Amino acid sequence: MTDELVRALKSHLKKQNEEKMRRRDTYKDYGLVFATIDGRPYDPNRFVSRHYKPHLKRAGLPNFRYHDLRYTAAMMLKSGVDIKLVSQVLGHYSEAFTLRVYGHVLPGMQEIALARYDNV
């Protein structure tokens, strides 16, 4: 994780702990990173429609599926990030699985690798 992400998660945890204290009588702690104000898991459909899509609009981004965010991590492959690291970031059990799922983002990578080799 990046340092910025760690800072954001620590800030979120602090706010979440404050919410738990305020609602200690009704808060049920399921150990979730992101939960409703009473501790339950978010309903994914309500989360996407209520939070995700408005954020896309505010950021001036096209309307794409929430699941498509995983492809942004896979695009690291295209920028030359090692397959092992990309696989770990995506939470995959093997590099082979990552390549099987996201290999389509790699057209032209062989030419890039050969050009880099020529430079060496």
PDB file of N, CA and C in Angstrom:
ATOM      1  N   MET A   1       0.853  -1.185   0.000  1.00  0.00           N
ATOM      2  CA  MET A   1       0.000   0.000   0.000  1.00  0.00           C
ATOM      3  C   MET A   1       0.889   1.236   0.000  1.00  0.00           C
ATOM      4  N   THR A   2       0.396   2.276  -0.589  1.00  0.00           N
ATOM      5  CA  THR A   2       1.144   3.526  -0.608  1.00  0.00           C
ATOM      6  C   THR A   2       1.025   4.215   0.744  1.00  0.00           C
ATOM      7  N   ASP A   3       1.965   5.125   1.022  1.00  0.00           N
ATOM      8  CA  ASP A   3       1.911   5.880   2.274  1.00  0.00           C
ATOM      9  C   ASP A   3       0.626   6.693   2.376  1.00  0.00           C
ATOM     10  N   GLU A   4       0.191   7.242   1.251  1.00  0.00           N
ATOM     11  CA  GLU A   4      -1.039   8.042   1.233  1.00  0.00           C
ATOM     12  C   GLU A   4      -2.254   7.187   1.599  1.00  0.00           C
ATOM     13  N   LEU A   5      -2.299   5.982   1.079  1.00  0.00           N
ATOM     14  CA  LEU A   5      -3.403   5.084   1.398  1.00  0.00           C
ATOM     15  C   LEU A   5      -3.380   4.699   2.874  1.00  0.00           C
ATOM     16  N   VAL A   6      -2.200   4.436   3.418  1.00  0.00           N
ATOM     17  CA  VAL A   6      -2.083   4.101   4.843  1.00  0.00           C
ATOM     18  C   VAL A   6      -2.595   5.260   5.700  1.00  0.00           C
ATOM     19  N   ARG A   7      -2.214   6.495   5.353  1.00  0.00           N
ATOM     20  CA  ARG A   7      -2.694   7.673   6.097  1.00  0.00           C
ATOM     21  C   ARG A   7      -4.215   7.785   6.012  1.00  0.00           C
ATOM     22  N   ALA A   8      -4.767   7.574   4.825  1.00  0.00           N
ATOM     23  CA  ALA A   8      -6.224   7.666   4.652  1.00  0.00           C
ATOM     24  C   ALA A   8      -6.936   6.598   5.471  1.00  0.00           C
ATOM     25  N   LEU A   9      -6.412   5.387   5.488  1.00  0.00           N
ATOM     26  CA  LEU A   9      -7.045   4.317   6.253  1.00  0.00           C
ATOM     27  C   LEU A   9      -6.940   4.560   7.759  1.00  0.00           C
ATOM     28  N   LYS A  10      -5.822   5.109   8.203  1.00  0.00           N
ATOM     29  CA  LYS A  10      -5.682   5.431   9.632  1.00  0.00           C
ATOM     30  C   LYS A  10      -6.669   6.517  10.033  1.00  0.00           C
ATOM     31  N   SER A  11      -6.850   7.509   9.173  1.00  0.00           N
ATOM     32  CA  SER A  11      -7.825   8.567   9.434  1.00  0.00           C
ATOM     33  C   SER A  11      -9.239   7.990   9.480  1.00  0.00           C
ATOM     34  N   HIS A  12      -9.528   7.103   8.545  1.00  0.00           N
ATOM     35  CA  HIS A  12     -10.841   6.457   8.505  1.00  0.00           C
ATOM     36  C   HIS A  12     -11.071   5.643   9.776  1.00  0.00           C
ATOM     37  N   LEU A  13     -10.045   4.910  10.223  1.00  0.00           N
ATOM     38  CA  LEU A  13     -10.162   4.099  11.436  1.00  0.00           C
ATOM     39  C   LEU A  13     -10.452   4.970  12.655  1.00  0.00           C
ATOM     40  N   LYS A  14      -9.791   6.115  12.721  1.00  0.00           N
ATOM     41  CA  LYS A  14     -10.032   7.031  13.842  1.00  0.00           C
ATOM     42  C   LYS A  14     -11.493   7.487  13.859  1.00  0.00           C
ATOM     43  N   LYS A  15     -12.006   7.881  12.708  1.00  0.00           N
ATOM     44  CA  LYS A  15     -13.404   8.311  12.615  1.00  0.00           C
ATOM     45  C   LYS A  15     -14.353   7.154  12.934  1.00  0.00           C
ATOM     46  N   GLN A  16     -14.001   5.970  12.453  1.00  0.00           N
ATOM     47  CA  GLN A  16     -14.837   4.801  12.701  1.00  0.00           C
ATOM     48  C   GLN A  16     -14.876   4.480  14.199  1.00  0.00           C
ATOM     49  N   ASN A  17     -13.745   4.574  14.875  1.00  0.00           N
ATOM     50  CA  ASN A  17     -13.706   4.315  16.318  1.00  0.00           C
ATOM     51  C   ASN A  17     -14.521   5.351  17.095  1.00  0.00           C
ATOM     52  N   GLU A  18     -14.482   6.600  16.642  1.00  0.00           N
ATOM     53  CA  GLU A  18     -15.305   7.644  17.271  1.00  0.00           C
ATOM     54  C   GLU A  18     -16.789   7.319  17.103  1.00  0.00           C
ATOM     55  N   GLU A  19     -17.162   6.852  15.919  1.00  0.00           N
ATOM     56  CA  GLU A  19     -18.561   6.479  15.646  1.00  0.00           C
ATOM     57  C   GLU A  19     -18.980   5.303  16.528  1.00  0.00           C
ATOM     58  N   LYS A  20     -18.078   4.337  16.694  1.00  0.00           N
ATOM     59  CA  LYS A  20     -18.371   3.185  17.555  1.00  0.00           C
ATOM     60  C   LYS A  20     -18.646   3.650  18.983  1.00  0.00           C
ATOM     61  N   MET A  21     -17.856   4.584  19.464  1.00  0.00           N
ATOM     62  CA  MET A  21     -18.038   5.085  20.831  1.00  0.00           C
ATOM     63  C   MET A  21     -19.354   5.831  20.965  1.00  0.00           C
ATOM     64  N   ARG A  22     -19.683   6.664  19.971  1.00  0.00           N
ATOM     65  CA  ARG A  22     -20.942   7.420  20.002  1.00  0.00           C
ATOM     66  C   ARG A  22     -22.152   6.488  19.982  1.00  0.00           C
ATOM     67  N   ARG A  23     -22.026   5.388  19.294  1.00  0.00           N
ATOM     68  CA  ARG A  23     -23.160   4.481  19.106  1.00  0.00           C
ATOM     69  C   ARG A  23     -22.931   3.151  19.813  1.00  0.00           C
ATOM     70  N   ARG A  24     -22.220   3.171  20.894  1.00  0.00           N
ATOM     71  CA  ARG A  24     -21.841   1.910  21.554  1.00  0.00           C
ATOM     72  C   ARG A  24     -23.018   1.020  21.911  1.00  0.00           C
ATOM     73  N   ASP A  25     -24.198   1.598  22.123  1.00  0.00           N
ATOM     74  CA  ASP A  25     -25.370   0.782  22.471  1.00  0.00           C
ATOM     75  C   ASP A  25     -25.960   0.057  21.256  1.00  0.00           C
ATOM     76  N   THR A  26     -25.781   0.623  20.077  1.00  0.00           N
ATOM     77  CA  THR A  26     -26.404   0.027  18.891  1.00  0.00           C
ATOM     78  C   THR A  26     -25.389  -0.476  17.875  1.00  0.00           C
ATOM     79  N   TYR A  27     -24.109  -0.144  18.054  1.00  0.00           N
ATOM     80  CA  TYR A  27     -23.092  -0.531  17.073  1.00  0.00           C
ATOM     81  C   TYR A  27     -22.702  -1.989  17.261  1.00  0.00           C
ATOM     82  N   LYS A  28     -22.785  -2.762  16.198  1.00  0.00           N
ATOM     83  CA  LYS A  28     -22.367  -4.162  16.213  1.00  0.00           C
ATOM     84  C   LYS A  28     -21.084  -4.241  15.397  1.00  0.00           C
ATOM     85  N   ASP A  29     -19.975  -4.580  16.060  1.00  0.00           N
ATOM     86  CA  ASP A  29     -18.674  -4.593  15.395  1.00  0.00           C
ATOM     87  C   ASP A  29     -18.442  -5.925  14.694  1.00  0.00           C
ATOM     88  N   TYR A  30     -18.446  -5.890  13.367  1.00  0.00           N
ATOM     89  CA  TYR A  30     -18.182  -7.067  12.559  1.00  0.00           C
ATOM     90  C   TYR A  30     -16.729  -7.091  12.073  1.00  0.00           C
ATOM     91  N   GLY A  31     -15.947  -6.121  12.517  1.00  0.00           N
ATOM     92  CA  GLY A  31     -14.547  -6.054  12.107  1.00  0.00           C
ATOM     93  C   GLY A  31     -14.362  -5.573  10.679  1.00  0.00           C
ATOM     94  N   LEU A  32     -15.317  -4.818  10.185  1.00  0.00           N
ATOM     95  CA  LEU A  32     -15.256  -4.332   8.806  1.00  0.00           C
ATOM     96  C   LEU A  32     -14.463  -3.037   8.719  1.00  0.00           C
ATOM     97  N   VAL A  33     -13.805  -2.841   7.603  1.00  0.00           N
ATOM     98  CA  VAL A  33     -13.099  -1.578   7.357  1.00  0.00           C
ATOM     99  C   VAL A  33     -14.115  -0.502   7.006  1.00  0.00           C
ATOM    100  N   PHE A  34     -15.078  -0.830   6.182  1.00  0.00           N
ATOM    101  CA  PHE A  34     -16.125   0.110   5.799  1.00  0.00           C
ATOM    102  C   PHE A  34     -17.465  -0.497   6.189  1.00  0.00           C
ATOM    103  N   ALA A  35     -18.191   0.216   7.028  1.00  0.00           N
ATOM    104  CA  ALA A  35     -19.460  -0.292   7.549  1.00  0.00           C
ATOM    105  C   ALA A  35     -20.471   0.839   7.628  1.00  0.00           C
ATOM    106  N   THR A  36     -21.737   0.464   7.783  1.00  0.00           N
ATOM    107  CA  THR A  36     -22.784   1.461   8.005  1.00  0.00           C
ATOM    108  C   THR A  36     -22.594   2.058   9.394  1.00  0.00           C
ATOM    109  N   ILE A  37     -23.373   3.068   9.738  1.00  0.00           N
ATOM    110  CA  ILE A  37     -23.190   3.737  11.026  1.00  0.00           C
ATOM    111  C   ILE A  37     -23.481   2.839  12.220  1.00  0.00           C
ATOM    112  N   ASP A  38     -24.150   1.707  11.988  1.00  0.00           N
ATOM    113  CA  ASP A  38     -24.381   0.785  13.099  1.00  0.00           C
ATOM    114  C   ASP A  38     -23.507  -0.468  12.996  1.00  0.00           C
ATOM    115  N   GLY A  39     -22.514  -0.460  12.073  1.00  0.00           N
ATOM    116  CA  GLY A  39     -21.533  -1.529  11.985  1.00  0.00           C
ATOM    117  C   GLY A  39     -21.795  -2.609  10.962  1.00  0.00           C
ATOM    118  N   ARG A  40     -22.980  -2.605  10.380  1.00  0.00           N
ATOM    119  CA  ARG A  40     -23.321  -3.647   9.404  1.00  0.00           C
ATOM    120  C   ARG A  40     -22.588  -3.417   8.082  1.00  0.00           C
ATOM    121  N   PRO A  41     -22.479  -4.478   7.277  1.00  0.00           N
ATOM    122  CA  PRO A  41     -21.878  -4.304   5.947  1.00  0.00           C
ATOM    123  C   PRO A  41     -22.777  -3.440   5.066  1.00  0.00           C
ATOM    124  N   TYR A  42     -22.151  -2.700   4.182  1.00  0.00           N
ATOM    125  CA  TYR A  42     -22.910  -1.933   3.197  1.00  0.00           C
ATOM    126  C   TYR A  42     -23.605  -2.885   2.234  1.00  0.00           C
ATOM    127  N   ASP A  43     -24.797  -2.529   1.811  1.00  0.00           N
ATOM    128  CA  ASP A  43     -25.451  -3.215   0.708  1.00  0.00           C
ATOM    129  C   ASP A  43     -24.744  -2.715  -0.543  1.00  0.00           C
ATOM    130  N   PRO A  44     -24.068  -3.604  -1.290  1.00  0.00           N
ATOM    131  CA  PRO A  44     -23.272  -3.132  -2.422  1.00  0.00           C
ATOM    132  C   PRO A  44     -24.063  -2.347  -3.451  1.00  0.00           C
ATOM    133  N   ASN A  45     -25.301  -2.727  -3.698  1.00  0.00           N
ATOM    134  CA  ASN A  45     -26.093  -1.994  -4.688  1.00  0.00           C
ATOM    135  C   ASN A  45     -26.400  -0.579  -4.219  1.00  0.00           C
ATOM    136  N   ARG A  46     -26.731  -0.436  -2.953  1.00  0.00           N
ATOM    137  CA  ARG A  46     -27.019   0.902  -2.420  1.00  0.00           C
ATOM    138  C   ARG A  46     -25.743   1.733  -2.358  1.00  0.00           C
ATOM    139  N   PHE A  47     -24.625   1.106  -2.006  1.00  0.00           N
ATOM    140  CA  PHE A  47     -23.356   1.830  -1.933  1.00  0.00           C
ATOM    141  C   PHE A  47     -22.993   2.408  -3.293  1.00  0.00           C
ATOM    142  N   VAL A  48     -23.075   1.571  -4.324  1.00  0.00           N
ATOM    143  CA  VAL A  48     -22.692   2.020  -5.660  1.00  0.00           C
ATOM    144  C   VAL A  48     -23.579   3.161  -6.124  1.00  0.00           C
ATOM    145  N   SER A  49     -24.888   3.020  -5.944  1.00  0.00           N
ATOM    146  CA  SER A  49     -25.781   4.071  -6.444  1.00  0.00           C
ATOM    147  C   SER A  49     -25.688   5.341  -5.605  1.00  0.00           C
ATOM    148  N   ARG A  50     -25.482   5.221  -4.321  1.00  0.00           N
ATOM    149  CA  ARG A  50     -25.486   6.388  -3.441  1.00  0.00           C
ATOM    150  C   ARG A  50     -24.139   7.094  -3.361  1.00  0.00           C
ATOM    151  N   HIS A  51     -23.039   6.363  -3.441  1.00  0.00           N
ATOM    152  CA  HIS A  51     -21.733   6.964  -3.207  1.00  0.00           C
ATOM    153  C   HIS A  51     -20.808   6.931  -4.427  1.00  0.00           C
ATOM    154  N   TYR A  52     -20.646   5.784  -5.017  1.00  0.00           N
ATOM    155  CA  TYR A  52     -19.667   5.601  -6.075  1.00  0.00           C
ATOM    156  C   TYR A  52     -19.978   6.431  -7.320  1.00  0.00           C
ATOM    157  N   LYS A  53     -21.180   6.295  -7.837  1.00  0.00           N
ATOM    158  CA  LYS A  53     -21.512   6.995  -9.080  1.00  0.00           C
ATOM    159  C   LYS A  53     -21.464   8.524  -8.939  1.00  0.00           C
ATOM    160  N   PRO A  54     -21.953   9.098  -7.835  1.00  0.00           N
ATOM    161  CA  PRO A  54     -21.807  10.549  -7.685  1.00  0.00           C
ATOM    162  C   PRO A  54     -20.342  11.003  -7.630  1.00  0.00           C
ATOM    163  N   HIS A  55     -19.465  10.170  -7.036  1.00  0.00           N
ATOM    164  CA  HIS A  55     -18.038  10.516  -7.007  1.00  0.00           C
ATOM    165  C   HIS A  55     -17.448  10.509  -8.415  1.00  0.00           C
ATOM    166  N   LEU A  56     -17.853   9.544  -9.221  1.00  0.00           N
ATOM    167  CA  LEU A  56     -17.391   9.521 -10.608  1.00  0.00           C
ATOM    168  C   LEU A  56     -17.794  10.801 -11.330  1.00  0.00           C
ATOM    169  N   LYS A  57     -19.051  11.172 -11.143  1.00  0.00           N
ATOM    170  CA  LYS A  57     -19.572  12.362 -11.825  1.00  0.00           C
ATOM    171  C   LYS A  57     -18.810  13.618 -11.385  1.00  0.00           C
ATOM    172  N   ARG A  58     -18.624  13.775 -10.061  1.00  0.00           N
ATOM    173  CA  ARG A  58     -17.895  14.946  -9.551  1.00  0.00           C
ATOM    174  C   ARG A  58     -16.469  15.014 -10.071  1.00  0.00           C
ATOM    175  N   ALA A  59     -15.860  13.830 -10.256  1.00  0.00           N
ATOM    176  CA  ALA A  59     -14.477  13.786 -10.732  1.00  0.00           C
ATOM    177  C   ALA A  59     -14.381  13.933 -12.250  1.00  0.00           C
ATOM    178  N   GLY A  60     -15.539  14.004 -12.906  1.00  0.00           N
ATOM    179  CA  GLY A  60     -15.541  14.147 -14.354  1.00  0.00           C
ATOM    180  C   GLY A  60     -15.135  12.873 -15.081  1.00  0.00           C
ATOM    181  N   LEU A  61     -15.335  11.727 -14.424  1.00  0.00           N
ATOM    182  CA  LEU A  61     -14.979  10.450 -15.022  1.00  0.00           C
ATOM    183  C   LEU A  61     -16.194   9.826 -15.694  1.00  0.00           C
ATOM    184  N   PRO A  62     -15.942   8.961 -16.666  1.00  0.00           N
ATOM    185  CA  PRO A  62     -17.070   8.278 -17.314  1.00  0.00           C
ATOM    186  C   PRO A  62     -17.747   7.316 -16.344  1.00  0.00           C
ATOM    187  N   ASN A  63     -18.972   6.978 -16.630  1.00  0.00           N
ATOM    188  CA  ASN A  63     -19.736   6.067 -15.791  1.00  0.00           C
ATOM    189  C   ASN A  63     -19.334   4.631 -16.123  1.00  0.00           C
ATOM    190  N   PHE A  64     -18.534   4.019 -15.250  1.00  0.00           N
ATOM    191  CA  PHE A  64     -18.164   2.629 -15.458  1.00  0.00           C
ATOM    192  C   PHE A  64     -18.466   1.820 -14.205  1.00  0.00           C
ATOM    193  N   ARG A  65     -18.551   0.497 -14.390  1.00  0.00           N
ATOM    194  CA  ARG A  65     -18.932  -0.374 -13.290  1.00  0.00           C
ATOM    195  C   ARG A  65     -17.899  -0.345 -12.168  1.00  0.00           C
ATOM    196  N   TYR A  66     -18.369  -0.554 -10.960  1.00  0.00           N
ATOM    197  CA  TYR A  66     -17.493  -0.595  -9.790  1.00  0.00           C
ATOM    198  C   TYR A  66     -16.423  -1.674  -9.964  1.00  0.00           C
ATOM    199  N   HIS A  67     -16.815  -2.823 -10.483  1.00  0.00           N
ATOM    200  CA  HIS A  67     -15.874  -3.924 -10.684  1.00  0.00           C
ATOM    201  C   HIS A  67     -14.748  -3.536 -11.638  1.00  0.00           C
ATOM    202  N   ASP A  68     -15.015  -2.614 -12.543  1.00  0.00           N
ATOM    203  CA  ASP A  68     -13.998  -2.204 -13.510  1.00  0.00           C
ATOM    204  C   ASP A  68     -12.796  -1.542 -12.847  1.00  0.00           C
ATOM    205  N   LEU A  69     -12.930  -1.127 -11.593  1.00  0.00           N
ATOM    206  CA  LEU A  69     -11.792  -0.529 -10.891  1.00  0.00           C
ATOM    207  C   LEU A  69     -10.637  -1.515 -10.779  1.00  0.00           C
ATOM    208  N   ARG A  70     -10.942  -2.804 -10.764  1.00  0.00           N
ATOM    209  CA  ARG A  70      -9.871  -3.800 -10.699  1.00  0.00           C
ATOM    210  C   ARG A  70      -8.972  -3.702 -11.927  1.00  0.00           C
ATOM    211  N   TYR A  71      -9.530  -3.276 -13.037  1.00  0.00           N
ATOM    212  CA  TYR A  71      -8.726  -3.159 -14.244  1.00  0.00           C
ATOM    213  C   TYR A  71      -7.702  -2.037 -14.138  1.00  0.00           C
ATOM    214  N   THR A  72      -7.956  -1.050 -13.295  1.00  0.00           N
ATOM    215  CA  THR A  72      -6.962   0.012 -13.144  1.00  0.00           C
ATOM    216  C   THR A  72      -5.694  -0.548 -12.517  1.00  0.00           C
ATOM    217  N   ALA A  73      -5.845  -1.493 -11.596  1.00  0.00           N
ATOM    218  CA  ALA A  73      -4.664  -2.141 -11.012  1.00  0.00           C
ATOM    219  C   ALA A  73      -3.965  -2.991 -12.069  1.00  0.00           C
ATOM    220  N   ALA A  74      -4.741  -3.672 -12.891  1.00  0.00           N
ATOM    221  CA  ALA A  74      -4.138  -4.501 -13.933  1.00  0.00           C
ATOM    222  C   ALA A  74      -3.382  -3.652 -14.950  1.00  0.00           C
ATOM    223  N   MET A  75      -3.763  -2.409 -15.099  1.00  0.00           N
ATOM    224  CA  MET A  75      -3.071  -1.533 -16.042  1.00  0.00           C
ATOM    225  C   MET A  75      -1.626  -1.287 -15.606  1.00  0.00           C
ATOM    226  N   MET A  76      -1.312  -1.611 -14.355  1.00  0.00           N
ATOM    227  CA  MET A  76       0.081  -1.523 -13.913  1.00  0.00           C
ATOM    228  C   MET A  76       0.952  -2.408 -14.789  1.00  0.00           C
ATOM    229  N   LEU A  77       0.388  -3.519 -15.251  1.00  0.00           N
ATOM    230  CA  LEU A  77       1.136  -4.404 -16.139  1.00  0.00           C
ATOM    231  C   LEU A  77       1.601  -3.645 -17.373  1.00  0.00           C
ATOM    232  N   LYS A  78       0.693  -2.856 -17.903  1.00  0.00           N
ATOM    233  CA  LYS A  78       0.997  -2.112 -19.124  1.00  0.00           C
ATOM    234  C   LYS A  78       2.096  -1.080 -18.893  1.00  0.00           C
ATOM    235  N   SER A  79       2.185  -0.582 -17.672  1.00  0.00           N
ATOM    236  CA  SER A  79       3.209   0.426 -17.395  1.00  0.00           C
ATOM    237  C   SER A  79       4.538  -0.208 -16.977  1.00  0.00           C
ATOM    238  N   GLY A  80       4.599  -1.553 -16.996  1.00  0.00           N
ATOM    239  CA  GLY A  80       5.866  -2.220 -16.740  1.00  0.00           C
ATOM    240  C   GLY A  80       6.075  -2.713 -15.320  1.00  0.00           C
ATOM    241  N   VAL A  81       5.055  -2.655 -14.473  1.00  0.00           N
ATOM    242  CA  VAL A  81       5.182  -3.155 -13.109  1.00  0.00           C
ATOM    243  C   VAL A  81       5.271  -4.681 -13.165  1.00  0.00           C
ATOM    244  N   ASP A  82       6.136  -5.259 -12.353  1.00  0.00           N
ATOM    245  CA  ASP A  82       6.362  -6.695 -12.322  1.00  0.00           C
ATOM    246  C   ASP A  82       5.062  -7.457 -12.064  1.00  0.00           C
ATOM    247  N   ILE A  83       4.869  -8.549 -12.797  1.00  0.00           N
ATOM    248  CA  ILE A  83       3.647  -9.347 -12.694  1.00  0.00           C
ATOM    249  C   ILE A  83       3.422  -9.865 -11.274  1.00  0.00           C
ATOM    250  N   LYS A  84       4.483 -10.210 -10.569  1.00  0.00           N
ATOM    251  CA  LYS A  84       4.333 -10.728  -9.206  1.00  0.00           C
ATOM    252  C   LYS A  84       3.709  -9.664  -8.303  1.00  0.00           C
ATOM    253  N   LEU A  85       4.173  -8.428  -8.419  1.00  0.00           N
ATOM    254  CA  LEU A  85       3.627  -7.339  -7.603  1.00  0.00           C
ATOM    255  C   LEU A  85       2.177  -7.064  -7.973  1.00  0.00           C
ATOM    256  N   VAL A  86       1.872  -7.025  -9.266  1.00  0.00           N
ATOM    257  CA  VAL A  86       0.501  -6.777  -9.706  1.00  0.00           C
ATOM    258  C   VAL A  86      -0.423  -7.866  -9.166  1.00  0.00           C
ATOM    259  N   SER A  87       0.020  -9.098  -9.235  1.00  0.00           N
ATOM    260  CA  SER A  87      -0.769 -10.220  -8.734  1.00  0.00           C
ATOM    261  C   SER A  87      -1.043 -10.069  -7.234  1.00  0.00           C
ATOM    262  N   GLN A  88      -0.041  -9.637  -6.481  1.00  0.00           N
ATOM    263  CA  GLN A  88      -0.220  -9.427  -5.039  1.00  0.00           C
ATOM    264  C   GLN A  88      -1.205  -8.292  -4.769  1.00  0.00           C
ATOM    265  N   VAL A  89      -1.076  -7.199  -5.508  1.00  0.00           N
ATOM    266  CA  VAL A  89      -1.977  -6.056  -5.323  1.00  0.00           C
ATOM    267  C   VAL A  89      -3.422  -6.463  -5.581  1.00  0.00           C
ATOM    268  N   LEU A  90      -3.631  -7.285  -6.595  1.00  0.00           N
ATOM    269  CA  LEU A  90      -4.977  -7.730  -6.940  1.00  0.00           C
ATOM    270  C   LEU A  90      -5.492  -8.830  -6.016  1.00  0.00           C
ATOM    271  N   GLY A  91      -4.606  -9.387  -5.181  1.00  0.00           N
ATOM    272  CA  GLY A  91      -5.013 -10.444  -4.261  1.00  0.00           C
ATOM    273  C   GLY A  91      -5.178 -11.791  -4.929  1.00  0.00           C
ATOM    274  N   HIS A  92      -4.499 -11.992  -6.047  1.00  0.00           N
ATOM    275  CA  HIS A  92      -4.597 -13.254  -6.753  1.00  0.00           C
ATOM    276  C   HIS A  92      -3.658 -14.291  -6.143  1.00  0.00           C
ATOM    277  N   TYR A  93      -3.990 -15.558  -6.331  1.00  0.00           N
ATOM    278  CA  TYR A  93      -3.191 -16.645  -5.761  1.00  0.00           C
ATOM    279  C   TYR A  93      -1.955 -16.950  -6.588  1.00  0.00           C
ATOM    280  N   SER A  94      -1.907 -16.497  -7.837  1.00  0.00           N
ATOM    281  CA  SER A  94      -0.727 -16.758  -8.656  1.00  0.00           C
ATOM    282  C   SER A  94      -0.614 -15.731  -9.777  1.00  0.00           C
ATOM    283  N   GLU A  95       0.611 -15.595 -10.265  1.00  0.00           N
ATOM    284  CA  GLU A  95       0.849 -14.705 -11.397  1.00  0.00           C
ATOM    285  C   GLU A  95       0.164 -15.254 -12.654  1.00  0.00           C
ATOM    286  N   ALA A  96       0.115 -16.582 -12.775  1.00  0.00           N
ATOM    287  CA  ALA A  96      -0.525 -17.199 -13.941  1.00  0.00           C
ATOM    288  C   ALA A  96      -2.002 -16.822 -14.008  1.00  0.00           C
ATOM    289  N   PHE A  97      -2.663 -16.804 -12.846  1.00  0.00           N
ATOM    290  CA  PHE A  97      -4.073 -16.420 -12.819  1.00  0.00           C
ATOM    291  C   PHE A  97      -4.221 -14.962 -13.269  1.00  0.00           C
ATOM    292  N   THR A  98      -3.356 -14.087 -12.766  1.00  0.00           N
ATOM    293  CA  THR A  98      -3.411 -12.668 -13.148  1.00  0.00           C
ATOM    294  C   THR A  98      -3.258 -12.525 -14.654  1.00  0.00           C
ATOM    295  N   LEU A  99      -2.302 -13.232 -15.228  1.00  0.00           N
ATOM    296  CA  LEU A  99      -2.098 -13.151 -16.672  1.00  0.00           C
ATOM    297  C   LEU A  99      -3.280 -13.713 -17.445  1.00  0.00           C
ATOM    298  N   ARG A 100      -3.876 -14.777 -16.928  1.00  0.00           N
ATOM    299  CA  ARG A 100      -5.036 -15.371 -17.605  1.00  0.00           C
ATOM    300  C   ARG A 100      -6.210 -14.390 -17.623  1.00  0.00           C
ATOM    301  N   VAL A 101      -6.410 -13.663 -16.518  1.00  0.00           N
ATOM    302  CA  VAL A 101      -7.548 -12.749 -16.419  1.00  0.00           C
ATOM    303  C   VAL A 101      -7.274 -11.421 -17.121  1.00  0.00           C
ATOM    304  N   TYR A 102      -6.066 -10.884 -16.957  1.00  0.00           N
ATOM    305  CA  TYR A 102      -5.771  -9.538 -17.451  1.00  0.00           C
ATOM    306  C   TYR A 102      -4.762  -9.502 -18.593  1.00  0.00           C
ATOM    307  N   GLY A 103      -4.428 -10.656 -19.141  1.00  0.00           N
ATOM    308  CA  GLY A 103      -3.443 -10.715 -20.212  1.00  0.00           C
ATOM    309  C   GLY A 103      -3.801  -9.883 -21.427  1.00  0.00           C
ATOM    310  N   HIS A 104      -5.093  -9.631 -21.608  1.00  0.00           N
ATOM    311  CA  HIS A 104      -5.521  -8.859 -22.781  1.00  0.00           C
ATOM    312  C   HIS A 104      -5.031  -7.416 -22.743  1.00  0.00           C
ATOM    313  N   VAL A 105      -4.556  -6.940 -21.584  1.00  0.00           N
ATOM    314  CA  VAL A 105      -4.042  -5.565 -21.534  1.00  0.00           C
ATOM    315  C   VAL A 105      -2.602  -5.504 -22.015  1.00  0.00           C
ATOM    316  N   LEU A 106      -2.032  -6.658 -22.372  1.00  0.00           N
ATOM    317  CA  LEU A 106      -0.615  -6.730 -22.696  1.00  0.00           C
ATOM    318  C   LEU A 106      -0.233  -6.691 -24.173  1.00  0.00           C
ATOM    319  N   PRO A 107      -1.155  -6.525 -25.122  1.00  0.00           N
ATOM    320  CA  PRO A 107      -0.698  -6.478 -26.511  1.00  0.00           C
ATOM    321  C   PRO A 107       0.387  -5.417 -26.682  1.00  0.00           C
ATOM    322  N   GLY A 108       1.430  -5.787 -27.388  1.00  0.00           N
ATOM    323  CA  GLY A 108       2.527  -4.856 -27.620  1.00  0.00           C
ATOM    324  C   GLY A 108       3.609  -4.892 -26.555  1.00  0.00           C
ATOM    325  N   MET A 109       3.376  -5.605 -25.460  1.00  0.00           N
ATOM    326  CA  MET A 109       4.364  -5.633 -24.381  1.00  0.00           C
ATOM    327  C   MET A 109       5.643  -6.354 -24.813  1.00  0.00           C
ATOM    328  N   GLN A 110       5.530  -7.350 -25.685  1.00  0.00           N
ATOM    329  CA  GLN A 110       6.720  -8.065 -26.136  1.00  0.00           C
ATOM    330  C   GLN A 110       7.646  -7.114 -26.890  1.00  0.00           C
ATOM    331  N   GLU A 111       7.081  -6.265 -27.724  1.00  0.00           N
ATOM    332  CA  GLU A 111       7.889  -5.305 -28.469  1.00  0.00           C
ATOM    333  C   GLU A 111       8.575  -4.317 -27.523  1.00  0.00           C
ATOM    334  N   ILE A 112       7.835  -3.893 -26.492  1.00  0.00           N
ATOM    335  CA  ILE A 112       8.418  -2.971 -25.514  1.00  0.00           C
ATOM    336  C   ILE A 112       9.578  -3.643 -24.777  1.00  0.00           C
ATOM    337  N   ALA A 113       9.373  -4.906 -24.382  1.00  0.00           N
ATOM    338  CA  ALA A 113      10.425  -5.642 -23.671  1.00  0.00           C
ATOM    339  C   ALA A 113      11.645  -5.801 -24.555  1.00  0.00           C
ATOM    340  N   LEU A 114      11.455  -6.120 -25.831  1.00  0.00           N
ATOM    341  CA  LEU A 114      12.588  -6.278 -26.736  1.00  0.00           C
ATOM    342  C   LEU A 114      13.315  -4.957 -26.952  1.00  0.00           C
ATOM    343  N   ALA A 115      12.571  -3.870 -27.029  1.00  0.00           N
ATOM    344  CA  ALA A 115      13.203  -2.555 -27.181  1.00  0.00           C
ATOM    345  C   ALA A 115      14.038  -2.221 -25.945  1.00  0.00           C
ATOM    346  N   ARG A 116      13.511  -2.538 -24.765  1.00  0.00           N
ATOM    347  CA  ARG A 116      14.277  -2.300 -23.535  1.00  0.00           C
ATOM    348  C   ARG A 116      15.542  -3.154 -23.529  1.00  0.00           C
ATOM    349  N   TYR A 117      15.404  -4.396 -23.991  1.00  0.00           N
ATOM    350  CA  TYR A 117      16.555  -5.303 -24.040  1.00  0.00           C
ATOM    351  C   TYR A 117      17.612  -4.735 -24.979  1.00  0.00           C
ATOM    352  N   ASP A 118      17.180  -4.210 -26.128  1.00  0.00           N
ATOM    353  CA  ASP A 118      18.123  -3.597 -27.069  1.00  0.00           C
ATOM    354  C   ASP A 118      18.872  -2.460 -26.408  1.00  0.00           C
ATOM    355  N   ASN A 119      18.176  -1.668 -25.587  1.00  0.00           N
ATOM    356  CA  ASN A 119      18.827  -0.548 -24.910  1.00  0.00           C
ATOM    357  C   ASN A 119      19.871  -0.991 -23.893  1.00  0.00           C
ATOM    358  N   VAL A 120      19.630  -2.173 -23.294  1.00  0.00           N
ATOM    359  CA  VAL A 120      20.585  -2.697 -22.319  1.00  0.00           C
ATOM    360  C   VAL A 120      21.834  -3.136 -23.046  1.00  0.00           C
TER     361      VAL A 120
END
